[in-house]
């Protein structure tokens, strides 16, 4: 994966706004365990799209992988509070989805299943 990551970085240097290259780079950062860089990338993307559930989920996942479980859970809660959804079903879905990420990436499948 490290070689593929270098190619993804070169591709992004040539086409920095290419969404496919961005996605591939992010996936490769995750696969290579380069969580600090990936966290920086995700945080920058969140500044542009603060209501994006996928970006919030990515940050929660990264924080768990960095051993920051309590912070990850707080991020999930804060995201749902910040994005005051008028539809109660949508709000419940967002909260359930984000809450389940924490035990899943901790490897606690029984807790994950209980949360979903």
PDB file of N, CA and C in Angstrom:
ATOM      1  N   UNK A   1       0.787  -1.211   0.000  1.00  0.00           N
ATOM      2  CA  UNK A   1       0.000   0.000   0.000  1.00  0.00           C
ATOM      3  C   UNK A   1       0.835   1.284   0.000  1.00  0.00           C
ATOM      4  N   UNK A   2       2.005   1.300   0.633  1.00  0.00           N
ATOM      5  CA  UNK A   2       2.790   2.535   0.625  1.00  0.00           C
ATOM      6  C   UNK A   2       3.138   3.025  -0.783  1.00  0.00           C
ATOM      7  N   UNK A   3       3.449   2.104  -1.691  1.00  0.00           N
ATOM      8  CA  UNK A   3       3.749   2.514  -3.070  1.00  0.00           C
ATOM      9  C   UNK A   3       2.516   3.104  -3.742  1.00  0.00           C
ATOM     10  N   UNK A   4       1.376   2.496  -3.492  1.00  0.00           N
ATOM     11  CA  UNK A   4       0.127   3.004  -4.068  1.00  0.00           C
ATOM     12  C   UNK A   4      -0.189   4.394  -3.515  1.00  0.00           C
ATOM     13  N   UNK A   5       0.122   4.607  -2.241  1.00  0.00           N
ATOM     14  CA  UNK A   5      -0.107   5.915  -1.635  1.00  0.00           C
ATOM     15  C   UNK A   5       0.742   6.982  -2.315  1.00  0.00           C
ATOM     16  N   UNK A   6       1.973   6.646  -2.631  1.00  0.00           N
ATOM     17  CA  UNK A   6       2.836   7.605  -3.329  1.00  0.00           C
ATOM     18  C   UNK A   6       2.267   7.947  -4.705  1.00  0.00           C
ATOM     19  N   UNK A   7       1.747   6.948  -5.415  1.00  0.00           N
ATOM     20  CA  UNK A   7       1.136   7.210  -6.724  1.00  0.00           C
ATOM     21  C   UNK A   7      -0.116   8.081  -6.578  1.00  0.00           C
ATOM     22  N   UNK A   8      -0.884   7.834  -5.533  1.00  0.00           N
ATOM     23  CA  UNK A   8      -2.077   8.652  -5.300  1.00  0.00           C
ATOM     24  C   UNK A   8      -1.688  10.100  -5.017  1.00  0.00           C
ATOM     25  N   UNK A   9      -0.629  10.287  -4.271  1.00  0.00           N
ATOM     26  CA  UNK A   9      -0.156  11.649  -3.987  1.00  0.00           C
ATOM     27  C   UNK A   9       0.309  12.343  -5.262  1.00  0.00           C
ATOM     28  N   UNK A  10       0.986  11.605  -6.132  1.00  0.00           N
ATOM     29  CA  UNK A  10       1.429  12.175  -7.410  1.00  0.00           C
ATOM     30  C   UNK A  10       0.228  12.523  -8.284  1.00  0.00           C
ATOM     31  N   UNK A  11      -0.760  11.664  -8.290  1.00  0.00           N
ATOM     32  CA  UNK A  11      -1.964  11.934  -9.075  1.00  0.00           C
ATOM     33  C   UNK A  11      -2.660  13.193  -8.563  1.00  0.00           C
ATOM     34  N   UNK A  12      -2.722  13.349  -7.242  1.00  0.00           N
ATOM     35  CA  UNK A  12      -3.342  14.545  -6.660  1.00  0.00           C
ATOM     36  C   UNK A  12      -2.538  15.797  -6.942  1.00  0.00           C
ATOM     37  N   UNK A  13      -1.243  15.665  -7.030  1.00  0.00           N
ATOM     38  CA  UNK A  13      -0.415  16.832  -7.367  1.00  0.00           C
ATOM     39  C   UNK A  13      -0.760  17.315  -8.771  1.00  0.00           C
ATOM     40  N   UNK A  14      -1.067  16.379  -9.659  1.00  0.00           N
ATOM     41  CA  UNK A  14      -1.415  16.737 -11.033  1.00  0.00           C
ATOM     42  C   UNK A  14      -2.858  17.230 -11.144  1.00  0.00           C
ATOM     43  N   UNK A  15      -3.757  16.626 -10.343  1.00  0.00           N
ATOM     44  CA  UNK A  15      -5.178  16.983 -10.389  1.00  0.00           C
ATOM     45  C   UNK A  15      -5.719  17.067  -8.956  1.00  0.00           C
ATOM     46  N   UNK A  16      -5.451  18.151  -8.262  1.00  0.00           N
ATOM     47  CA  UNK A  16      -5.783  18.236  -6.841  1.00  0.00           C
ATOM     48  C   UNK A  16      -7.277  18.204  -6.508  1.00  0.00           C
ATOM     49  N   UNK A  17      -8.129  18.487  -7.458  1.00  0.00           N
ATOM     50  CA  UNK A  17      -9.569  18.489  -7.176  1.00  0.00           C
ATOM     51  C   UNK A  17     -10.279  17.248  -7.699  1.00  0.00           C
ATOM     52  N   UNK A  18      -9.536  16.266  -8.151  1.00  0.00           N
ATOM     53  CA  UNK A  18     -10.138  15.046  -8.688  1.00  0.00           C
ATOM     54  C   UNK A  18     -10.702  14.219  -7.529  1.00  0.00           C
ATOM     55  N   UNK A  19     -12.042  14.059  -7.463  1.00  0.00           N
ATOM     56  CA  UNK A  19     -12.637  13.360  -6.320  1.00  0.00           C
ATOM     57  C   UNK A  19     -12.204  11.892  -6.214  1.00  0.00           C
ATOM     58  N   UNK A  20     -11.968  11.251  -7.335  1.00  0.00           N
ATOM     59  CA  UNK A  20     -11.517   9.862  -7.305  1.00  0.00           C
ATOM     60  C   UNK A  20     -10.130   9.766  -6.678  1.00  0.00           C
ATOM     61  N   UNK A  21      -9.236  10.676  -7.047  1.00  0.00           N
ATOM     62  CA  UNK A  21      -7.882  10.675  -6.485  1.00  0.00           C
ATOM     63  C   UNK A  21      -7.918  10.995  -4.990  1.00  0.00           C
ATOM     64  N   UNK A  22      -8.791  11.933  -4.606  1.00  0.00           N
ATOM     65  CA  UNK A  22      -8.937  12.271  -3.189  1.00  0.00           C
ATOM     66  C   UNK A  22      -9.400  11.061  -2.383  1.00  0.00           C
ATOM     67  N   UNK A  23     -10.408  10.373  -2.897  1.00  0.00           N
ATOM     68  CA  UNK A  23     -10.948   9.206  -2.215  1.00  0.00           C
ATOM     69  C   UNK A  23      -9.899   8.094  -2.120  1.00  0.00           C
ATOM     70  N   UNK A  24      -9.175   7.873  -3.208  1.00  0.00           N
ATOM     71  CA  UNK A  24      -8.153   6.829  -3.198  1.00  0.00           C
ATOM     72  C   UNK A  24      -7.044   7.164  -2.206  1.00  0.00           C
ATOM     73  N   UNK A  25      -6.611   8.421  -2.182  1.00  0.00           N
ATOM     74  CA  UNK A  25      -5.582   8.837  -1.231  1.00  0.00           C
ATOM     75  C   UNK A  25      -6.046   8.601   0.204  1.00  0.00           C
ATOM     76  N   UNK A  26      -7.292   8.977   0.500  1.00  0.00           N
ATOM     77  CA  UNK A  26      -7.817   8.798   1.842  1.00  0.00           C
ATOM     78  C   UNK A  26      -7.892   7.320   2.225  1.00  0.00           C
ATOM     79  N   UNK A  27      -8.355   6.500   1.297  1.00  0.00           N
ATOM     80  CA  UNK A  27      -8.423   5.059   1.559  1.00  0.00           C
ATOM     81  C   UNK A  27      -7.025   4.479   1.806  1.00  0.00           C
ATOM     82  N   UNK A  28      -6.057   4.952   1.041  1.00  0.00           N
ATOM     83  CA  UNK A  28      -4.690   4.458   1.196  1.00  0.00           C
ATOM     84  C   UNK A  28      -4.047   4.960   2.486  1.00  0.00           C
ATOM     85  N   UNK A  29      -4.357   6.184   2.884  1.00  0.00           N
ATOM     86  CA  UNK A  29      -3.872   6.669   4.176  1.00  0.00           C
ATOM     87  C   UNK A  29      -4.401   5.775   5.298  1.00  0.00           C
ATOM     88  N   UNK A  30      -5.669   5.399   5.194  1.00  0.00           N
ATOM     89  CA  UNK A  30      -6.272   4.516   6.191  1.00  0.00           C
ATOM     90  C   UNK A  30      -5.595   3.145   6.158  1.00  0.00           C
ATOM     91  N   UNK A  31      -5.426   2.599   4.973  1.00  0.00           N
ATOM     92  CA  UNK A  31      -4.825   1.267   4.834  1.00  0.00           C
ATOM     93  C   UNK A  31      -3.388   1.231   5.345  1.00  0.00           C
ATOM     94  N   UNK A  32      -2.680   2.335   5.188  1.00  0.00           N
ATOM     95  CA  UNK A  32      -1.281   2.409   5.633  1.00  0.00           C
ATOM     96  C   UNK A  32      -1.155   2.821   7.102  1.00  0.00           C
ATOM     97  N   UNK A  33      -2.283   3.134   7.728  1.00  0.00           N
ATOM     98  CA  UNK A  33      -2.247   3.534   9.128  1.00  0.00           C
ATOM     99  C   UNK A  33      -1.684   4.925   9.360  1.00  0.00           C
ATOM    100  N   UNK A  34      -1.795   5.792   8.357  1.00  0.00           N
ATOM    101  CA  UNK A  34      -1.294   7.170   8.469  1.00  0.00           C
ATOM    102  C   UNK A  34      -2.462   8.033   8.961  1.00  0.00           C
ATOM    103  N   UNK A  35      -2.866   7.764  10.201  1.00  0.00           N
ATOM    104  CA  UNK A  35      -4.081   8.362  10.741  1.00  0.00           C
ATOM    105  C   UNK A  35      -3.962   9.863  10.982  1.00  0.00           C
ATOM    106  N   UNK A  36      -2.804  10.330  11.421  1.00  0.00           N
ATOM    107  CA  UNK A  36      -2.661  11.761  11.697  1.00  0.00           C
ATOM    108  C   UNK A  36      -2.846  12.594  10.425  1.00  0.00           C
ATOM    109  N   UNK A  37      -2.241  12.150   9.340  1.00  0.00           N
ATOM    110  CA  UNK A  37      -2.406  12.867   8.069  1.00  0.00           C
ATOM    111  C   UNK A  37      -3.841  12.778   7.585  1.00  0.00           C
ATOM    112  N   UNK A  38      -4.439  11.600   7.710  1.00  0.00           N
ATOM    113  CA  UNK A  38      -5.827  11.426   7.284  1.00  0.00           C
ATOM    114  C   UNK A  38      -6.753  12.309   8.113  1.00  0.00           C
ATOM    115  N   UNK A  39      -6.488  12.405   9.398  1.00  0.00           N
ATOM    116  CA  UNK A  39      -7.299  13.259  10.255  1.00  0.00           C
ATOM    117  C   UNK A  39      -7.213  14.717   9.803  1.00  0.00           C
ATOM    118  N   UNK A  40      -6.028  15.158   9.452  1.00  0.00           N
ATOM    119  CA  UNK A  40      -5.843  16.523   8.951  1.00  0.00           C
ATOM    120  C   UNK A  40      -6.652  16.739   7.681  1.00  0.00           C
ATOM    121  N   UNK A  41      -6.602  15.765   6.772  1.00  0.00           N
ATOM    122  CA  UNK A  41      -7.342  15.855   5.508  1.00  0.00           C
ATOM    123  C   UNK A  41      -8.846  15.921   5.771  1.00  0.00           C
ATOM    124  N   UNK A  42      -9.328  15.044   6.642  1.00  0.00           N
ATOM    125  CA  UNK A  42     -10.763  14.998   6.941  1.00  0.00           C
ATOM    126  C   UNK A  42     -11.215  16.304   7.602  1.00  0.00           C
ATOM    127  N   UNK A  43     -10.421  16.821   8.525  1.00  0.00           N
ATOM    128  CA  UNK A  43     -10.783  18.075   9.195  1.00  0.00           C
ATOM    129  C   UNK A  43     -10.861  19.237   8.198  1.00  0.00           C
ATOM    130  N   UNK A  44      -9.949  19.260   7.234  1.00  0.00           N
ATOM    131  CA  UNK A  44      -9.989  20.299   6.192  1.00  0.00           C
ATOM    132  C   UNK A  44     -11.252  20.157   5.348  1.00  0.00           C
ATOM    133  N   UNK A  45     -11.618  18.933   5.005  1.00  0.00           N
ATOM    134  CA  UNK A  45     -12.831  18.703   4.215  1.00  0.00           C
ATOM    135  C   UNK A  45     -14.068  19.106   5.016  1.00  0.00           C
ATOM    136  N   UNK A  46     -14.041  18.855   6.323  1.00  0.00           N
ATOM    137  CA  UNK A  46     -15.187  19.206   7.162  1.00  0.00           C
ATOM    138  C   UNK A  46     -15.411  20.715   7.229  1.00  0.00           C
ATOM    139  N   UNK A  47     -14.351  21.491   7.104  1.00  0.00           N
ATOM    140  CA  UNK A  47     -14.510  22.950   7.097  1.00  0.00           C
ATOM    141  C   UNK A  47     -15.364  23.391   5.906  1.00  0.00           C
ATOM    142  N   UNK A  48     -15.226  22.668   4.798  1.00  0.00           N
ATOM    143  CA  UNK A  48     -15.991  22.990   3.591  1.00  0.00           C
ATOM    144  C   UNK A  48     -17.387  22.393   3.636  1.00  0.00           C
ATOM    145  N   UNK A  49     -17.527  21.243   4.305  1.00  0.00           N
ATOM    146  CA  UNK A  49     -18.804  20.528   4.352  1.00  0.00           C
ATOM    147  C   UNK A  49     -19.109  20.077   5.786  1.00  0.00           C
ATOM    148  N   UNK A  50     -19.427  21.003   6.679  1.00  0.00           N
ATOM    149  CA  UNK A  50     -19.606  20.654   8.094  1.00  0.00           C
ATOM    150  C   UNK A  50     -20.793  19.736   8.390  1.00  0.00           C
ATOM    151  N   UNK A  51     -21.726  19.619   7.464  1.00  0.00           N
ATOM    152  CA  UNK A  51     -22.902  18.775   7.693  1.00  0.00           C
ATOM    153  C   UNK A  51     -22.791  17.405   7.036  1.00  0.00           C
ATOM    154  N   UNK A  52     -21.632  17.070   6.515  1.00  0.00           N
ATOM    155  CA  UNK A  52     -21.446  15.809   5.803  1.00  0.00           C
ATOM    156  C   UNK A  52     -21.298  14.651   6.798  1.00  0.00           C
ATOM    157  N   UNK A  53     -22.262  13.742   6.784  1.00  0.00           N
ATOM    158  CA  UNK A  53     -22.256  12.607   7.700  1.00  0.00           C
ATOM    159  C   UNK A  53     -21.053  11.694   7.454  1.00  0.00           C
ATOM    160  N   UNK A  54     -20.684  11.491   6.202  1.00  0.00           N
ATOM    161  CA  UNK A  54     -19.547  10.635   5.885  1.00  0.00           C
ATOM    162  C   UNK A  54     -18.247  11.160   6.466  1.00  0.00           C
ATOM    163  N   UNK A  55     -18.053  12.469   6.406  1.00  0.00           N
ATOM    164  CA  UNK A  55     -16.849  13.063   6.976  1.00  0.00           C
ATOM    165  C   UNK A  55     -16.855  12.950   8.503  1.00  0.00           C
ATOM    166  N   UNK A  56     -18.016  13.161   9.102  1.00  0.00           N
ATOM    167  CA  UNK A  56     -18.119  13.005  10.558  1.00  0.00           C
ATOM    168  C   UNK A  56     -17.802  11.567  10.951  1.00  0.00           C
ATOM    169  N   UNK A  57     -18.344  10.623  10.202  1.00  0.00           N
ATOM    170  CA  UNK A  57     -18.081   9.207  10.485  1.00  0.00           C
ATOM    171  C   UNK A  57     -16.597   8.890  10.327  1.00  0.00           C
ATOM    172  N   UNK A  58     -15.972   9.464   9.328  1.00  0.00           N
ATOM    173  CA  UNK A  58     -14.535   9.244   9.131  1.00  0.00           C
ATOM    174  C   UNK A  58     -13.737   9.752  10.313  1.00  0.00           C
ATOM    175  N   UNK A  59     -14.085  10.942  10.806  1.00  0.00           N
ATOM    176  CA  UNK A  59     -13.331  11.465  11.939  1.00  0.00           C
ATOM    177  C   UNK A  59     -13.546  10.608  13.179  1.00  0.00           C
ATOM    178  N   UNK A  60     -14.771  10.179  13.412  1.00  0.00           N
ATOM    179  CA  UNK A  60     -15.044   9.310  14.565  1.00  0.00           C
ATOM    180  C   UNK A  60     -14.206   8.028  14.445  1.00  0.00           C
ATOM    181  N   UNK A  61     -14.199   7.442  13.268  1.00  0.00           N
ATOM    182  CA  UNK A  61     -13.422   6.216  13.030  1.00  0.00           C
ATOM    183  C   UNK A  61     -11.936   6.444  13.304  1.00  0.00           C
ATOM    184  N   UNK A  62     -11.393   7.507  12.767  1.00  0.00           N
ATOM    185  CA  UNK A  62      -9.963   7.804  12.947  1.00  0.00           C
ATOM    186  C   UNK A  62      -9.644   8.017  14.420  1.00  0.00           C
ATOM    187  N   UNK A  63     -10.500   8.756  15.111  1.00  0.00           N
ATOM    188  CA  UNK A  63     -10.261   9.014  16.537  1.00  0.00           C
ATOM    189  C   UNK A  63     -10.243   7.712  17.336  1.00  0.00           C
ATOM    190  N   UNK A  64     -11.138   6.785  17.008  1.00  0.00           N
ATOM    191  CA  UNK A  64     -11.131   5.483  17.682  1.00  0.00           C
ATOM    192  C   UNK A  64      -9.823   4.758  17.397  1.00  0.00           C
ATOM    193  N   UNK A  65      -9.399   4.764  16.138  1.00  0.00           N
ATOM    194  CA  UNK A  65      -8.161   4.083  15.768  1.00  0.00           C
ATOM    195  C   UNK A  65      -6.934   4.720  16.423  1.00  0.00           C
ATOM    196  N   UNK A  66      -7.029   6.000  16.761  1.00  0.00           N
ATOM    197  CA  UNK A  66      -5.946   6.686  17.474  1.00  0.00           C
ATOM    198  C   UNK A  66      -6.039   6.487  18.989  1.00  0.00           C
ATOM    199  N   UNK A  67      -7.047   5.707  19.427  1.00  0.00           N
ATOM    200  CA  UNK A  67      -7.210   5.448  20.856  1.00  0.00           C
ATOM    201  C   UNK A  67      -7.956   6.534  21.595  1.00  0.00           C
ATOM    202  N   UNK A  68      -8.674   7.375  20.880  1.00  0.00           N
ATOM    203  CA  UNK A  68      -9.395   8.507  21.469  1.00  0.00           C
ATOM    204  C   UNK A  68     -10.902   8.232  21.486  1.00  0.00           C
ATOM    205  N   UNK A  69     -11.289   7.130  22.135  1.00  0.00           N
ATOM    206  CA  UNK A  69     -12.683   6.691  22.111  1.00  0.00           C
ATOM    207  C   UNK A  69     -13.637   7.715  22.715  1.00  0.00           C
ATOM    208  N   UNK A  70     -13.283   8.284  23.852  1.00  0.00           N
ATOM    209  CA  UNK A  70     -14.173   9.268  24.481  1.00  0.00           C
ATOM    210  C   UNK A  70     -14.352  10.496  23.597  1.00  0.00           C
ATOM    211  N   UNK A  71     -13.257  10.938  22.993  1.00  0.00           N
ATOM    212  CA  UNK A  71     -13.334  12.085  22.085  1.00  0.00           C
ATOM    213  C   UNK A  71     -14.184  11.742  20.866  1.00  0.00           C
ATOM    214  N   UNK A  72     -14.031  10.520  20.374  1.00  0.00           N
ATOM    215  CA  UNK A  72     -14.819  10.072  19.216  1.00  0.00           C
ATOM    216  C   UNK A  72     -16.309  10.112  19.533  1.00  0.00           C
ATOM    217  N   UNK A  73     -16.673   9.623  20.711  1.00  0.00           N
ATOM    218  CA  UNK A  73     -18.082   9.628  21.101  1.00  0.00           C
ATOM    219  C   UNK A  73     -18.597  11.056  21.246  1.00  0.00           C
ATOM    220  N   UNK A  74     -17.778  11.926  21.816  1.00  0.00           N
ATOM    221  CA  UNK A  74     -18.173  13.333  21.960  1.00  0.00           C
ATOM    222  C   UNK A  74     -18.364  13.986  20.594  1.00  0.00           C
ATOM    223  N   UNK A  75     -17.508  13.633  19.639  1.00  0.00           N
ATOM    224  CA  UNK A  75     -17.656  14.167  18.277  1.00  0.00           C
ATOM    225  C   UNK A  75     -18.977  13.725  17.657  1.00  0.00           C
ATOM    226  N   UNK A  76     -19.319  12.470  17.845  1.00  0.00           N
ATOM    227  CA  UNK A  76     -20.586  11.958  17.310  1.00  0.00           C
ATOM    228  C   UNK A  76     -21.759  12.731  17.892  1.00  0.00           C
ATOM    229  N   UNK A  77     -21.739  12.927  19.201  1.00  0.00           N
ATOM    230  CA  UNK A  77     -22.821  13.661  19.862  1.00  0.00           C
ATOM    231  C   UNK A  77     -22.878  15.108  19.382  1.00  0.00           C
ATOM    232  N   UNK A  78     -21.716  15.740  19.290  1.00  0.00           N
ATOM    233  CA  UNK A  78     -21.653  17.144  18.870  1.00  0.00           C
ATOM    234  C   UNK A  78     -22.148  17.322  17.442  1.00  0.00           C
ATOM    235  N   UNK A  79     -21.798  16.384  16.557  1.00  0.00           N
ATOM    236  CA  UNK A  79     -22.248  16.474  15.171  1.00  0.00           C
ATOM    237  C   UNK A  79     -23.773  16.455  15.102  1.00  0.00           C
ATOM    238  N   UNK A  80     -24.378  15.558  15.865  1.00  0.00           N
ATOM    239  CA  UNK A  80     -25.837  15.451  15.835  1.00  0.00           C
ATOM    240  C   UNK A  80     -26.507  16.677  16.454  1.00  0.00           C
ATOM    241  N   UNK A  81     -25.909  17.242  17.468  1.00  0.00           N
ATOM    242  CA  UNK A  81     -26.468  18.454  18.071  1.00  0.00           C
ATOM    243  C   UNK A  81     -26.311  19.651  17.143  1.00  0.00           C
ATOM    244  N   UNK A  82     -25.149  19.737  16.500  1.00  0.00           N
ATOM    245  CA  UNK A  82     -24.872  20.869  15.602  1.00  0.00           C
ATOM    246  C   UNK A  82     -25.789  20.850  14.379  1.00  0.00           C
ATOM    247  N   UNK A  83     -26.095  19.681  13.892  1.00  0.00           N
ATOM    248  CA  UNK A  83     -26.940  19.540  12.710  1.00  0.00           C
ATOM    249  C   UNK A  83     -28.361  19.233  13.147  1.00  0.00           C
ATOM    250  N   UNK A  84     -28.990  20.224  13.712  1.00  0.00           N
ATOM    251  CA  UNK A  84     -30.346  20.065  14.213  1.00  0.00           C
ATOM    252  C   UNK A  84     -31.263  19.617  13.071  1.00  0.00           C
ATOM    253  N   UNK A  85     -31.492  18.347  13.032  1.00  0.00           N
ATOM    254  CA  UNK A  85     -32.336  17.797  11.970  1.00  0.00           C
ATOM    255  C   UNK A  85     -33.795  17.898  12.388  1.00  0.00           C
ATOM    256  N   UNK A  86     -34.615  18.385  11.486  1.00  0.00           N
ATOM    257  CA  UNK A  86     -36.029  18.541  11.809  1.00  0.00           C
ATOM    258  C   UNK A  86     -36.750  17.195  11.813  1.00  0.00           C
ATOM    259  N   UNK A  87     -36.250  16.253  11.046  1.00  0.00           N
ATOM    260  CA  UNK A  87     -36.875  14.929  10.975  1.00  0.00           C
ATOM    261  C   UNK A  87     -36.313  14.044  12.089  1.00  0.00           C
ATOM    262  N   UNK A  88     -37.139  13.656  13.052  1.00  0.00           N
ATOM    263  CA  UNK A  88     -36.650  12.844  14.171  1.00  0.00           C
ATOM    264  C   UNK A  88     -36.060  11.502  13.727  1.00  0.00           C
ATOM    265  N   UNK A  89     -36.600  10.939  12.651  1.00  0.00           N
ATOM    266  CA  UNK A  89     -36.069   9.662  12.157  1.00  0.00           C
ATOM    267  C   UNK A  89     -34.652   9.840  11.601  1.00  0.00           C
ATOM    268  N   UNK A  90     -34.436  10.937  10.900  1.00  0.00           N
ATOM    269  CA  UNK A  90     -33.099  11.212  10.358  1.00  0.00           C
ATOM    270  C   UNK A  90     -32.116  11.452  11.487  1.00  0.00           C
ATOM    271  N   UNK A  91     -32.542  12.202  12.489  1.00  0.00           N
ATOM    272  CA  UNK A  91     -31.661  12.470  13.639  1.00  0.00           C
ATOM    273  C   UNK A  91     -31.288  11.170  14.348  1.00  0.00           C
ATOM    274  N   UNK A  92     -32.281  10.301  14.553  1.00  0.00           N
ATOM    275  CA  UNK A  92     -32.016   9.017  15.207  1.00  0.00           C
ATOM    276  C   UNK A  92     -31.064   8.180  14.359  1.00  0.00           C
ATOM    277  N   UNK A  93     -31.244   8.182  13.036  1.00  0.00           N
ATOM    278  CA  UNK A  93     -30.348   7.435  12.158  1.00  0.00           C
ATOM    279  C   UNK A  93     -28.917   7.948  12.286  1.00  0.00           C
ATOM    280  N   UNK A  94     -28.738   9.261  12.218  1.00  0.00           N
ATOM    281  CA  UNK A  94     -27.398   9.850  12.321  1.00  0.00           C
ATOM    282  C   UNK A  94     -26.739   9.454  13.637  1.00  0.00           C
ATOM    283  N   UNK A  95     -27.483   9.625  14.742  1.00  0.00           N
ATOM    284  CA  UNK A  95     -26.922   9.331  16.062  1.00  0.00           C
ATOM    285  C   UNK A  95     -26.587   7.842  16.198  1.00  0.00           C
ATOM    286  N   UNK A  96     -27.483   6.982  15.761  1.00  0.00           N
ATOM    287  CA  UNK A  96     -27.252   5.539  15.843  1.00  0.00           C
ATOM    288  C   UNK A  96     -26.045   5.134  15.024  1.00  0.00           C
ATOM    289  N   UNK A  97     -25.964   5.650  13.814  1.00  0.00           N
ATOM    290  CA  UNK A  97     -24.847   5.330  12.922  1.00  0.00           C
ATOM    291  C   UNK A  97     -23.519   5.750  13.540  1.00  0.00           C
ATOM    292  N   UNK A  98     -23.446   6.979  13.998  1.00  0.00           N
ATOM    293  CA  UNK A  98     -22.194   7.476  14.572  1.00  0.00           C
ATOM    294  C   UNK A  98     -21.860   6.780  15.887  1.00  0.00           C
ATOM    295  N   UNK A  99     -22.868   6.511  16.714  1.00  0.00           N
ATOM    296  CA  UNK A  99     -22.629   5.818  17.982  1.00  0.00           C
ATOM    297  C   UNK A  99     -22.093   4.407  17.763  1.00  0.00           C
ATOM    298  N   UNK A 100     -22.536   3.757  16.708  1.00  0.00           N
ATOM    299  CA  UNK A 100     -22.129   2.371  16.444  1.00  0.00           C
ATOM    300  C   UNK A 100     -20.693   2.267  15.931  1.00  0.00           C
ATOM    301  N   UNK A 101     -20.173   3.344  15.369  1.00  0.00           N
ATOM    302  CA  UNK A 101     -18.803   3.319  14.830  1.00  0.00           C
ATOM    303  C   UNK A 101     -17.784   3.056  15.934  1.00  0.00           C
ATOM    304  N   UNK A 102     -18.009   3.640  17.104  1.00  0.00           N
ATOM    305  CA  UNK A 102     -17.022   3.534  18.181  1.00  0.00           C
ATOM    306  C   UNK A 102     -16.772   2.074  18.556  1.00  0.00           C
ATOM    307  N   UNK A 103     -17.782   1.305  18.967  1.00  0.00           N
ATOM    308  CA  UNK A 103     -17.483  -0.088  19.334  1.00  0.00           C
ATOM    309  C   UNK A 103     -17.028  -0.936  18.141  1.00  0.00           C
ATOM    310  N   UNK A 104     -17.521  -0.616  16.954  1.00  0.00           N
ATOM    311  CA  UNK A 104     -17.129  -1.400  15.780  1.00  0.00           C
ATOM    312  C   UNK A 104     -15.613  -1.340  15.575  1.00  0.00           C
ATOM    313  N   UNK A 105     -15.055  -0.143  15.615  1.00  0.00           N
ATOM    314  CA  UNK A 105     -13.616  -0.002  15.378  1.00  0.00           C
ATOM    315  C   UNK A 105     -12.778  -0.331  16.612  1.00  0.00           C
ATOM    316  N   UNK A 106     -13.444  -0.554  17.748  1.00  0.00           N
ATOM    317  CA  UNK A 106     -12.747  -1.078  18.919  1.00  0.00           C
ATOM    318  C   UNK A 106     -12.724  -2.606  18.871  1.00  0.00           C
ATOM    319  N   UNK A 107     -13.472  -3.170  17.927  1.00  0.00           N
ATOM    320  CA  UNK A 107     -13.547  -4.620  17.822  1.00  0.00           C
ATOM    321  C   UNK A 107     -14.573  -5.233  18.768  1.00  0.00           C
ATOM    322  N   UNK A 108     -15.441  -4.406  19.333  1.00  0.00           N
ATOM    323  CA  UNK A 108     -16.462  -4.871  20.267  1.00  0.00           C
ATOM    324  C   UNK A 108     -17.769  -5.095  19.502  1.00  0.00           C
ATOM    325  N   UNK A 109     -17.822  -6.221  18.806  1.00  0.00           N
ATOM    326  CA  UNK A 109     -18.984  -6.503  17.936  1.00  0.00           C
ATOM    327  C   UNK A 109     -20.276  -6.644  18.719  1.00  0.00           C
ATOM    328  N   UNK A 110     -20.302  -7.301  19.892  1.00  0.00           N
ATOM    329  CA  UNK A 110     -21.567  -7.344  20.640  1.00  0.00           C
ATOM    330  C   UNK A 110     -22.108  -5.945  20.974  1.00  0.00           C
ATOM    331  N   UNK A 111     -21.212  -5.040  21.387  1.00  0.00           N
ATOM    332  CA  UNK A 111     -21.647  -3.670  21.694  1.00  0.00           C
ATOM    333  C   UNK A 111     -22.108  -2.958  20.427  1.00  0.00           C
ATOM    334  N   UNK A 112     -21.406  -3.195  19.339  1.00  0.00           N
ATOM    335  CA  UNK A 112     -21.790  -2.607  18.043  1.00  0.00           C
ATOM    336  C   UNK A 112     -23.208  -3.056  17.675  1.00  0.00           C
ATOM    337  N   UNK A 113     -23.455  -4.352  17.769  1.00  0.00           N
ATOM    338  CA  UNK A 113     -24.776  -4.883  17.412  1.00  0.00           C
ATOM    339  C   UNK A 113     -25.857  -4.348  18.329  1.00  0.00           C
ATOM    340  N   UNK A 114     -25.513  -4.138  19.572  1.00  0.00           N
ATOM    341  CA  UNK A 114     -26.485  -3.584  20.509  1.00  0.00           C
ATOM    342  C   UNK A 114     -26.826  -2.131  20.137  1.00  0.00           C
ATOM    343  N   UNK A 115     -25.844  -1.389  19.671  1.00  0.00           N
ATOM    344  CA  UNK A 115     -26.085   0.023  19.330  1.00  0.00           C
ATOM    345  C   UNK A 115     -26.850   0.196  18.018  1.00  0.00           C
ATOM    346  N   UNK A 116     -26.658  -0.730  17.099  1.00  0.00           N
ATOM    347  CA  UNK A 116     -27.411  -0.565  15.849  1.00  0.00           C
ATOM    348  C   UNK A 116     -28.758  -1.195  16.004  1.00  0.00           C
TER     349      UNK A 116
END
